Amino acid sequence: MTWISKLIAALFLPLTGCGIYSFSGASTTAKTVKIDQFYNLTDLAPANLSFTFVNGLKDYLQQNSGLSVVSQHGDLTFDGVISEYNLSPQAPTVDPSTGAASASQTRLTISVKVNYVDLKEPKNSFKDRVFTNNKPFASNLDFTTIQANYEKEIFKLIYLDIFNATIANW
């Protein structure tokens, strides 16, 4: 063995001790994933929000793991509900000329309750685990003009949290 191959073996050997690991961050022996419907149980969210969430989750898992999305009999299965879609005022301010109180920021919060079944490693499965994230914005902005982009940004953070809790198993 040359010194280069010894160095490479020393660097990569620790990565093989805890199961299968790929440089995408996936740590699973699963090959397929089935993503069922995520129902929107909120009053304020747009009607297409669950569709947007499911398609984004599929894309995220395909791009960040070696998993193939299937329509039935996946090694891994996800389903759940969008349980919170909330706009809340933040950072209260007072207008010095009128004394009127208002919020200088508003926060969009989205929560998703996830059920996860891992047929390869059943101990990793869970039910009704909530993943939440939010994004503040200036209250003087027209929410309808930023809504879709903010939803996507929040979903990206939720996808990462779901990925880390399931496939990366962190």
N, C-alpha and C. Protein backbone atom coordinates (compact mmCIF):
# COMPACT_ATOMS: atom_id res chain seq x y z
N MET A 1 0.83 -1.17 0.00
CA MET A 1 0.00 0.00 0.00
C MET A 1 0.88 1.24 0.00
N THR A 2 0.61 2.16 -0.89
CA THR A 2 1.38 3.39 -0.93
C THR A 2 0.88 4.33 0.16
N TRP A 3 1.64 5.35 0.43
CA TRP A 3 1.26 6.29 1.48
C TRP A 3 -0.02 7.03 1.12
N ILE A 4 -0.27 7.25 -0.18
CA ILE A 4 -1.49 7.94 -0.61
C ILE A 4 -2.71 7.06 -0.33
N SER A 5 -2.63 5.77 -0.67
CA SER A 5 -3.78 4.89 -0.43
C SER A 5 -4.01 4.70 1.07
N LYS A 6 -2.93 4.72 1.88
CA LYS A 6 -3.10 4.64 3.34
C LYS A 6 -3.80 5.89 3.87
N LEU A 7 -3.44 7.04 3.33
CA LEU A 7 -4.06 8.29 3.74
C LEU A 7 -5.55 8.30 3.37
N ILE A 8 -5.86 7.87 2.17
CA ILE A 8 -7.26 7.82 1.73
C ILE A 8 -8.05 6.85 2.60
N ALA A 9 -7.48 5.70 2.89
CA ALA A 9 -8.17 4.73 3.75
C ALA A 9 -8.38 5.29 5.14
N ALA A 10 -7.40 6.00 5.66
CA ALA A 10 -7.53 6.58 7.00
C ALA A 10 -8.60 7.66 7.05
N LEU A 11 -8.74 8.40 5.96
CA LEU A 11 -9.75 9.46 5.93
C LEU A 11 -11.17 8.93 5.77
N PHE A 12 -11.33 7.87 4.99
CA PHE A 12 -12.67 7.41 4.66
C PHE A 12 -13.14 6.22 5.49
N LEU A 13 -12.27 5.53 6.16
CA LEU A 13 -12.66 4.39 6.97
C LEU A 13 -13.65 4.77 8.06
N PRO A 14 -13.48 5.90 8.77
CA PRO A 14 -14.45 6.26 9.81
C PRO A 14 -15.85 6.49 9.26
N LEU A 15 -15.98 6.84 8.01
CA LEU A 15 -17.30 7.09 7.43
C LEU A 15 -18.08 5.82 7.17
N THR A 16 -17.45 4.68 7.20
CA THR A 16 -18.14 3.43 6.90
C THR A 16 -18.59 2.69 8.14
N GLY A 17 -18.24 3.16 9.32
CA GLY A 17 -18.54 2.44 10.55
C GLY A 17 -19.98 2.53 11.02
N CYS A 18 -20.76 3.48 10.56
CA CYS A 18 -22.12 3.69 11.07
C CYS A 18 -23.16 3.40 10.01
N GLY A 19 -22.99 2.40 9.24
CA GLY A 19 -23.97 2.09 8.19
C GLY A 19 -23.53 2.70 6.88
N ILE A 20 -24.46 2.82 5.99
CA ILE A 20 -24.15 3.36 4.68
C ILE A 20 -24.25 4.87 4.72
N TYR A 21 -23.21 5.53 4.23
CA TYR A 21 -23.19 6.98 4.21
C TYR A 21 -22.81 7.41 2.80
N SER A 22 -23.48 8.43 2.33
CA SER A 22 -23.09 8.99 1.05
C SER A 22 -22.78 10.46 1.26
N PHE A 23 -22.03 11.04 0.36
CA PHE A 23 -21.68 12.44 0.51
C PHE A 23 -22.85 13.36 0.27
N SER A 24 -24.00 12.83 -0.12
CA SER A 24 -25.22 13.64 -0.22
C SER A 24 -25.79 13.89 1.17
N GLY A 25 -25.33 13.14 2.17
CA GLY A 25 -25.85 13.29 3.52
C GLY A 25 -26.81 12.18 3.90
N ALA A 26 -27.17 11.34 2.96
CA ALA A 26 -28.11 10.25 3.23
C ALA A 26 -27.40 9.13 3.97
N SER A 27 -28.08 8.58 4.96
CA SER A 27 -27.54 7.48 5.74
C SER A 27 -28.63 6.42 5.87
N THR A 28 -28.88 5.70 4.80
CA THR A 28 -29.95 4.71 4.78
C THR A 28 -29.65 3.63 3.75
N THR A 29 -30.22 2.47 3.96
CA THR A 29 -30.12 1.41 2.97
C THR A 29 -31.34 1.39 2.05
N ALA A 30 -32.28 2.27 2.30
CA ALA A 30 -33.49 2.35 1.48
C ALA A 30 -33.16 2.79 0.06
N LYS A 31 -33.95 2.30 -0.86
CA LYS A 31 -33.78 2.65 -2.28
C LYS A 31 -34.94 3.49 -2.81
N THR A 32 -36.13 3.34 -2.17
CA THR A 32 -37.33 4.01 -2.68
C THR A 32 -38.04 4.77 -1.56
N VAL A 33 -38.78 5.79 -1.96
CA VAL A 33 -39.57 6.58 -1.01
C VAL A 33 -40.93 6.86 -1.64
N LYS A 34 -41.96 6.72 -0.82
CA LYS A 34 -43.33 7.04 -1.24
C LYS A 34 -43.76 8.24 -0.41
N ILE A 35 -44.24 9.27 -1.09
CA ILE A 35 -44.71 10.46 -0.39
C ILE A 35 -46.20 10.58 -0.65
N ASP A 36 -46.98 10.29 0.39
CA ASP A 36 -48.43 10.40 0.29
C ASP A 36 -48.85 11.86 0.47
N GLN A 37 -50.13 12.07 0.41
CA GLN A 37 -50.69 13.41 0.51
C GLN A 37 -50.42 14.04 1.88
N PHE A 38 -50.16 15.31 1.88
CA PHE A 38 -50.11 16.13 3.09
C PHE A 38 -51.30 17.06 3.00
N TYR A 39 -52.29 16.86 3.85
CA TYR A 39 -53.51 17.65 3.80
C TYR A 39 -53.31 18.99 4.47
N ASN A 40 -53.97 20.01 3.95
CA ASN A 40 -53.91 21.35 4.50
C ASN A 40 -55.05 21.50 5.50
N LEU A 41 -54.74 21.55 6.79
CA LEU A 41 -55.75 21.69 7.83
C LEU A 41 -55.80 23.11 8.40
N THR A 42 -55.30 24.07 7.66
CA THR A 42 -55.28 25.45 8.14
C THR A 42 -56.37 26.26 7.47
N ASP A 43 -56.72 27.37 8.09
CA ASP A 43 -57.75 28.24 7.54
C ASP A 43 -57.19 29.30 6.60
N LEU A 44 -55.96 29.74 6.83
CA LEU A 44 -55.41 30.86 6.09
C LEU A 44 -54.58 30.48 4.86
N ALA A 45 -54.10 29.27 4.81
CA ALA A 45 -53.17 28.87 3.74
C ALA A 45 -53.88 28.80 2.39
N PRO A 46 -53.14 29.08 1.32
CA PRO A 46 -53.73 28.95 -0.01
C PRO A 46 -54.07 27.49 -0.31
N ALA A 47 -55.04 27.30 -1.16
CA ALA A 47 -55.55 25.95 -1.46
C ALA A 47 -54.49 25.03 -2.04
N ASN A 48 -53.53 25.57 -2.77
CA ASN A 48 -52.50 24.73 -3.42
C ASN A 48 -51.29 24.47 -2.54
N LEU A 49 -51.32 24.87 -1.27
CA LEU A 49 -50.13 24.77 -0.42
C LEU A 49 -49.69 23.32 -0.22
N SER A 50 -50.62 22.39 -0.02
CA SER A 50 -50.21 21.00 0.18
C SER A 50 -49.58 20.43 -1.09
N PHE A 51 -50.10 20.79 -2.25
CA PHE A 51 -49.52 20.36 -3.52
C PHE A 51 -48.09 20.88 -3.66
N THR A 52 -47.89 22.16 -3.33
CA THR A 52 -46.57 22.77 -3.38
C THR A 52 -45.61 22.06 -2.43
N PHE A 53 -46.08 21.77 -1.21
CA PHE A 53 -45.24 21.11 -0.22
C PHE A 53 -44.82 19.72 -0.68
N VAL A 54 -45.76 18.90 -1.13
CA VAL A 54 -45.47 17.52 -1.53
C VAL A 54 -44.49 17.50 -2.70
N ASN A 55 -44.73 18.30 -3.72
CA ASN A 55 -43.83 18.31 -4.87
C ASN A 55 -42.44 18.80 -4.49
N GLY A 56 -42.37 19.78 -3.61
CA GLY A 56 -41.06 20.26 -3.15
C GLY A 56 -40.32 19.21 -2.34
N LEU A 57 -41.06 18.47 -1.49
CA LEU A 57 -40.43 17.40 -0.70
C LEU A 57 -39.90 16.30 -1.61
N LYS A 58 -40.65 15.93 -2.62
CA LYS A 58 -40.18 14.92 -3.58
C LYS A 58 -38.89 15.39 -4.25
N ASP A 59 -38.90 16.62 -4.74
CA ASP A 59 -37.72 17.16 -5.40
C ASP A 59 -36.52 17.19 -4.46
N TYR A 60 -36.74 17.64 -3.23
CA TYR A 60 -35.66 17.74 -2.26
C TYR A 60 -35.04 16.37 -1.99
N LEU A 61 -35.88 15.38 -1.76
CA LEU A 61 -35.36 14.04 -1.45
C LEU A 61 -34.62 13.43 -2.64
N GLN A 62 -35.12 13.66 -3.84
CA GLN A 62 -34.44 13.12 -5.02
C GLN A 62 -33.09 13.81 -5.24
N GLN A 63 -33.03 15.11 -5.00
CA GLN A 63 -31.79 15.85 -5.22
C GLN A 63 -30.74 15.61 -4.15
N ASN A 64 -31.17 15.22 -2.95
CA ASN A 64 -30.24 15.12 -1.82
C ASN A 64 -30.03 13.70 -1.32
N SER A 65 -30.52 12.73 -2.06
CA SER A 65 -30.32 11.33 -1.68
C SER A 65 -30.34 10.50 -2.96
N GLY A 66 -30.04 9.23 -2.84
CA GLY A 66 -30.11 8.32 -3.98
C GLY A 66 -31.47 7.65 -4.10
N LEU A 67 -32.47 8.17 -3.41
CA LEU A 67 -33.79 7.54 -3.38
C LEU A 67 -34.59 7.82 -4.65
N SER A 68 -35.35 6.82 -5.06
CA SER A 68 -36.30 7.00 -6.16
C SER A 68 -37.69 7.15 -5.58
N VAL A 69 -38.43 8.13 -6.07
CA VAL A 69 -39.81 8.32 -5.61
C VAL A 69 -40.70 7.34 -6.36
N VAL A 70 -41.50 6.58 -5.61
CA VAL A 70 -42.42 5.60 -6.18
C VAL A 70 -43.84 5.92 -5.73
N SER A 71 -44.82 5.38 -6.46
CA SER A 71 -46.22 5.67 -6.12
C SER A 71 -46.80 4.67 -5.12
N GLN A 72 -46.12 3.54 -4.91
CA GLN A 72 -46.58 2.58 -3.90
C GLN A 72 -45.43 1.68 -3.47
N HIS A 73 -45.55 1.14 -2.26
CA HIS A 73 -44.59 0.18 -1.70
C HIS A 73 -43.17 0.74 -1.60
N GLY A 74 -43.02 1.92 -1.07
CA GLY A 74 -41.69 2.49 -0.86
C GLY A 74 -41.03 1.92 0.39
N ASP A 75 -39.71 1.88 0.39
CA ASP A 75 -38.97 1.49 1.59
C ASP A 75 -39.23 2.50 2.71
N LEU A 76 -39.40 3.75 2.32
CA LEU A 76 -39.72 4.84 3.24
C LEU A 76 -41.04 5.45 2.81
N THR A 77 -41.84 5.90 3.77
CA THR A 77 -43.11 6.55 3.46
C THR A 77 -43.28 7.78 4.32
N PHE A 78 -43.73 8.86 3.68
CA PHE A 78 -44.05 10.10 4.37
C PHE A 78 -45.50 10.46 4.10
N ASP A 79 -46.19 10.95 5.12
CA ASP A 79 -47.48 11.59 4.96
C ASP A 79 -47.70 12.51 6.13
N GLY A 80 -48.78 13.27 6.10
CA GLY A 80 -49.04 14.16 7.23
C GLY A 80 -50.00 15.26 6.87
N VAL A 81 -49.90 16.35 7.64
CA VAL A 81 -50.79 17.50 7.44
C VAL A 81 -50.00 18.79 7.62
N ILE A 82 -50.43 19.81 6.92
CA ILE A 82 -49.95 21.16 7.19
C ILE A 82 -50.84 21.66 8.31
N SER A 83 -50.28 21.80 9.50
CA SER A 83 -51.08 22.04 10.69
C SER A 83 -51.12 23.51 11.12
N GLU A 84 -50.21 24.33 10.62
CA GLU A 84 -50.22 25.75 10.99
C GLU A 84 -49.77 26.60 9.83
N TYR A 85 -50.49 27.66 9.61
CA TYR A 85 -50.13 28.70 8.65
C TYR A 85 -50.61 29.98 9.30
N ASN A 86 -49.67 30.75 9.84
CA ASN A 86 -50.04 31.84 10.71
C ASN A 86 -49.25 33.10 10.39
N LEU A 87 -49.93 34.22 10.38
CA LEU A 87 -49.30 35.53 10.29
C LEU A 87 -49.44 36.19 11.65
N SER A 88 -48.32 36.59 12.24
CA SER A 88 -48.39 37.21 13.56
C SER A 88 -47.54 38.48 13.58
N PRO A 89 -48.07 39.54 14.22
CA PRO A 89 -47.31 40.79 14.31
C PRO A 89 -46.11 40.62 15.23
N GLN A 90 -45.02 41.28 14.87
CA GLN A 90 -43.77 41.24 15.63
C GLN A 90 -43.24 42.66 15.77
N ALA A 91 -42.31 42.86 16.64
CA ALA A 91 -41.60 44.13 16.80
C ALA A 91 -42.55 45.32 16.88
N PRO A 92 -43.27 45.46 17.98
CA PRO A 92 -44.20 46.58 18.11
C PRO A 92 -43.48 47.92 18.15
N THR A 93 -44.10 48.90 17.53
CA THR A 93 -43.57 50.26 17.52
C THR A 93 -44.71 51.23 17.83
N VAL A 94 -44.36 52.43 18.24
CA VAL A 94 -45.36 53.46 18.52
C VAL A 94 -45.03 54.66 17.65
N ASP A 95 -46.06 55.16 16.95
CA ASP A 95 -45.90 56.36 16.15
C ASP A 95 -45.82 57.55 17.10
N PRO A 96 -44.68 58.28 17.12
CA PRO A 96 -44.53 59.36 18.10
C PRO A 96 -45.53 60.50 17.92
N SER A 97 -45.99 60.72 16.71
CA SER A 97 -46.91 61.84 16.47
C SER A 97 -48.34 61.52 16.90
N THR A 98 -48.76 60.25 16.75
CA THR A 98 -50.14 59.89 17.09
C THR A 98 -50.23 59.04 18.34
N GLY A 99 -49.13 58.39 18.71
CA GLY A 99 -49.16 57.49 19.86
C GLY A 99 -49.76 56.13 19.53
N ALA A 100 -50.08 55.92 18.26
CA ALA A 100 -50.70 54.65 17.86
C ALA A 100 -49.65 53.54 17.80
N ALA A 101 -50.02 52.39 18.31
CA ALA A 101 -49.12 51.23 18.29
C ALA A 101 -49.36 50.43 17.01
N SER A 102 -48.28 49.92 16.47
CA SER A 102 -48.36 49.05 15.29
C SER A 102 -47.16 48.11 15.31
N ALA A 103 -47.17 47.18 14.40
CA ALA A 103 -46.04 46.24 14.29
C ALA A 103 -45.21 46.61 13.08
N SER A 104 -43.89 46.64 13.26
CA SER A 104 -43.01 46.95 12.14
C SER A 104 -42.68 45.71 11.34
N GLN A 105 -42.93 44.55 11.94
CA GLN A 105 -42.70 43.29 11.25
C GLN A 105 -43.86 42.34 11.47
N THR A 106 -44.03 41.46 10.51
CA THR A 106 -44.99 40.37 10.61
C THR A 106 -44.22 39.09 10.35
N ARG A 107 -44.62 38.01 11.00
CA ARG A 107 -43.94 36.74 10.82
C ARG A 107 -44.90 35.72 10.23
N LEU A 108 -44.47 35.07 9.15
CA LEU A 108 -45.20 33.93 8.59
C LEU A 108 -44.63 32.66 9.19
N THR A 109 -45.48 31.87 9.84
CA THR A 109 -45.07 30.61 10.43
C THR A 109 -45.84 29.47 9.78
N ILE A 110 -45.12 28.42 9.40
CA ILE A 110 -45.74 27.22 8.83
C ILE A 110 -45.25 26.02 9.63
N SER A 111 -46.20 25.16 10.01
CA SER A 111 -45.88 23.90 10.70
C SER A 111 -46.45 22.74 9.91
N VAL A 112 -45.67 21.66 9.86
CA VAL A 112 -46.09 20.44 9.17
C VAL A 112 -45.95 19.28 10.13
N LYS A 113 -47.02 18.52 10.29
CA LYS A 113 -47.01 17.33 11.15
C LYS A 113 -46.77 16.12 10.24
N VAL A 114 -45.68 15.39 10.52
CA VAL A 114 -45.20 14.35 9.61
C VAL A 114 -45.30 12.97 10.26
N ASN A 115 -45.75 12.00 9.48
CA ASN A 115 -45.67 10.58 9.83
C ASN A 115 -44.62 9.98 8.91
N TYR A 116 -43.71 9.21 9.49
CA TYR A 116 -42.60 8.63 8.73
C TYR A 116 -42.50 7.15 9.05
N VAL A 117 -42.51 6.32 8.02
CA VAL A 117 -42.36 4.88 8.18
C VAL A 117 -41.12 4.44 7.43
N ASP A 118 -40.21 3.77 8.15
CA ASP A 118 -38.99 3.26 7.58
C ASP A 118 -39.05 1.73 7.67
N LEU A 119 -39.32 1.09 6.55
CA LEU A 119 -39.43 -0.38 6.54
C LEU A 119 -38.08 -1.06 6.69
N LYS A 120 -36.99 -0.39 6.35
CA LYS A 120 -35.66 -0.97 6.49
C LYS A 120 -35.17 -0.90 7.94
N GLU A 121 -35.48 0.19 8.62
CA GLU A 121 -35.08 0.41 10.03
C GLU A 121 -36.31 0.91 10.79
N PRO A 122 -37.24 0.01 11.15
CA PRO A 122 -38.49 0.44 11.78
C PRO A 122 -38.33 1.30 13.03
N LYS A 123 -37.23 1.15 13.75
CA LYS A 123 -37.01 1.96 14.96
C LYS A 123 -36.88 3.44 14.64
N ASN A 124 -36.59 3.78 13.40
CA ASN A 124 -36.46 5.18 12.99
C ASN A 124 -37.81 5.84 12.67
N SER A 125 -38.86 5.05 12.57
CA SER A 125 -40.18 5.57 12.21
C SER A 125 -40.72 6.46 13.33
N PHE A 126 -41.59 7.40 12.96
CA PHE A 126 -42.27 8.23 13.96
C PHE A 126 -43.63 8.69 13.43
N LYS A 127 -44.46 9.16 14.35
CA LYS A 127 -45.81 9.61 14.01
C LYS A 127 -46.04 10.99 14.62
N ASP A 128 -46.68 11.86 13.86
CA ASP A 128 -47.10 13.19 14.31
C ASP A 128 -45.97 14.07 14.83
N ARG A 129 -44.82 13.99 14.21
CA ARG A 129 -43.70 14.86 14.59
C ARG A 129 -43.87 16.20 13.86
N VAL A 130 -43.78 17.29 14.59
CA VAL A 130 -44.05 18.60 14.02
C VAL A 130 -42.73 19.30 13.64
N PHE A 131 -42.71 19.81 12.42
CA PHE A 131 -41.58 20.59 11.91
C PHE A 131 -42.11 21.99 11.62
N THR A 132 -41.49 22.99 12.23
CA THR A 132 -41.96 24.37 12.12
C THR A 132 -40.83 25.29 11.72
N ASN A 133 -41.16 26.28 10.91
CA ASN A 133 -40.21 27.33 10.63
C ASN A 133 -40.98 28.60 10.29
N ASN A 134 -40.27 29.72 10.28
CA ASN A 134 -40.94 31.00 10.03
C ASN A 134 -40.00 31.97 9.35
N LYS A 135 -40.60 33.04 8.86
CA LYS A 135 -39.82 34.08 8.20
C LYS A 135 -40.51 35.42 8.46
N PRO A 136 -39.78 36.38 9.04
CA PRO A 136 -40.36 37.71 9.25
C PRO A 136 -40.23 38.58 8.00
N PHE A 137 -41.12 39.55 7.91
CA PHE A 137 -41.05 40.52 6.82
C PHE A 137 -41.61 41.85 7.31
N ALA A 138 -41.24 42.91 6.63
CA ALA A 138 -41.70 44.24 7.00
C ALA A 138 -43.21 44.32 6.84
N SER A 139 -43.88 44.84 7.84
CA SER A 139 -45.34 44.90 7.82
C SER A 139 -45.90 45.80 6.73
N ASN A 140 -45.09 46.71 6.22
CA ASN A 140 -45.59 47.59 5.17
C ASN A 140 -45.55 46.94 3.78
N LEU A 141 -45.03 45.72 3.68
CA LEU A 141 -45.01 45.01 2.40
C LEU A 141 -46.37 44.40 2.12
N ASP A 142 -46.71 44.30 0.84
CA ASP A 142 -47.94 43.63 0.43
C ASP A 142 -47.68 42.13 0.47
N PHE A 143 -48.32 41.45 1.41
CA PHE A 143 -48.05 40.03 1.62
C PHE A 143 -48.29 39.20 0.36
N THR A 144 -49.28 39.54 -0.43
CA THR A 144 -49.60 38.73 -1.62
C THR A 144 -48.46 38.75 -2.63
N THR A 145 -47.62 39.78 -2.61
CA THR A 145 -46.51 39.84 -3.57
C THR A 145 -45.31 39.01 -3.13
N ILE A 146 -45.20 38.73 -1.83
CA ILE A 146 -44.05 37.96 -1.32
C ILE A 146 -44.45 36.56 -0.84
N GLN A 147 -45.72 36.30 -0.78
CA GLN A 147 -46.24 35.08 -0.16
C GLN A 147 -45.63 33.80 -0.72
N ALA A 148 -45.68 33.61 -2.03
CA ALA A 148 -45.20 32.36 -2.64
C ALA A 148 -43.70 32.15 -2.37
N ASN A 149 -42.91 33.21 -2.48
CA ASN A 149 -41.46 33.08 -2.23
C ASN A 149 -41.17 32.76 -0.77
N TYR A 150 -41.90 33.38 0.14
CA TYR A 150 -41.69 33.12 1.56
C TYR A 150 -42.10 31.69 1.93
N GLU A 151 -43.18 31.22 1.35
CA GLU A 151 -43.59 29.83 1.58
C GLU A 151 -42.50 28.88 1.11
N LYS A 152 -41.94 29.11 -0.06
CA LYS A 152 -40.88 28.25 -0.58
C LYS A 152 -39.64 28.28 0.32
N GLU A 153 -39.28 29.46 0.81
CA GLU A 153 -38.11 29.58 1.69
C GLU A 153 -38.33 28.82 3.00
N ILE A 154 -39.52 28.95 3.56
CA ILE A 154 -39.83 28.23 4.80
C ILE A 154 -39.85 26.73 4.54
N PHE A 155 -40.45 26.32 3.43
CA PHE A 155 -40.49 24.89 3.11
C PHE A 155 -39.10 24.32 2.94
N LYS A 156 -38.17 25.05 2.34
CA LYS A 156 -36.80 24.55 2.18
C LYS A 156 -36.19 24.22 3.54
N LEU A 157 -36.44 25.07 4.53
CA LEU A 157 -35.91 24.82 5.87
C LEU A 157 -36.60 23.62 6.52
N ILE A 158 -37.89 23.48 6.28
CA ILE A 158 -38.62 22.32 6.81
C ILE A 158 -38.16 21.04 6.12
N TYR A 159 -37.94 21.08 4.81
CA TYR A 159 -37.42 19.89 4.10
C TYR A 159 -36.09 19.45 4.69
N LEU A 160 -35.21 20.41 4.95
CA LEU A 160 -33.92 20.09 5.54
C LEU A 160 -34.09 19.43 6.91
N ASP A 161 -34.98 19.98 7.73
CA ASP A 161 -35.24 19.39 9.05
C ASP A 161 -35.79 17.97 8.94
N ILE A 162 -36.70 17.76 8.00
CA ILE A 162 -37.27 16.43 7.78
C ILE A 162 -36.18 15.48 7.30
N PHE A 163 -35.38 15.90 6.35
CA PHE A 163 -34.29 15.09 5.83
C PHE A 163 -33.33 14.68 6.95
N ASN A 164 -32.96 15.64 7.78
CA ASN A 164 -32.02 15.35 8.88
C ASN A 164 -32.63 14.40 9.91
N ALA A 165 -33.92 14.50 10.14
CA ALA A 165 -34.58 13.65 11.13
C ALA A 165 -34.87 12.24 10.63
N THR A 166 -34.81 12.06 9.31
CA THR A 166 -35.20 10.77 8.74
C THR A 166 -34.05 10.13 7.97
N ILE A 167 -33.79 10.57 6.81
CA ILE A 167 -32.83 9.93 5.92
C ILE A 167 -31.39 10.13 6.39
N ALA A 168 -31.05 11.32 6.85
CA ALA A 168 -29.71 11.54 7.38
C ALA A 168 -29.58 10.96 8.78
N ASN A 169 -30.72 10.78 9.44
CA ASN A 169 -30.78 10.18 10.77
C ASN A 169 -29.88 10.89 11.77
N TRP A 170 -29.99 12.21 11.84
CA TRP A 170 -29.18 13.02 12.76
C TRP A 170 -29.97 13.30 13.99
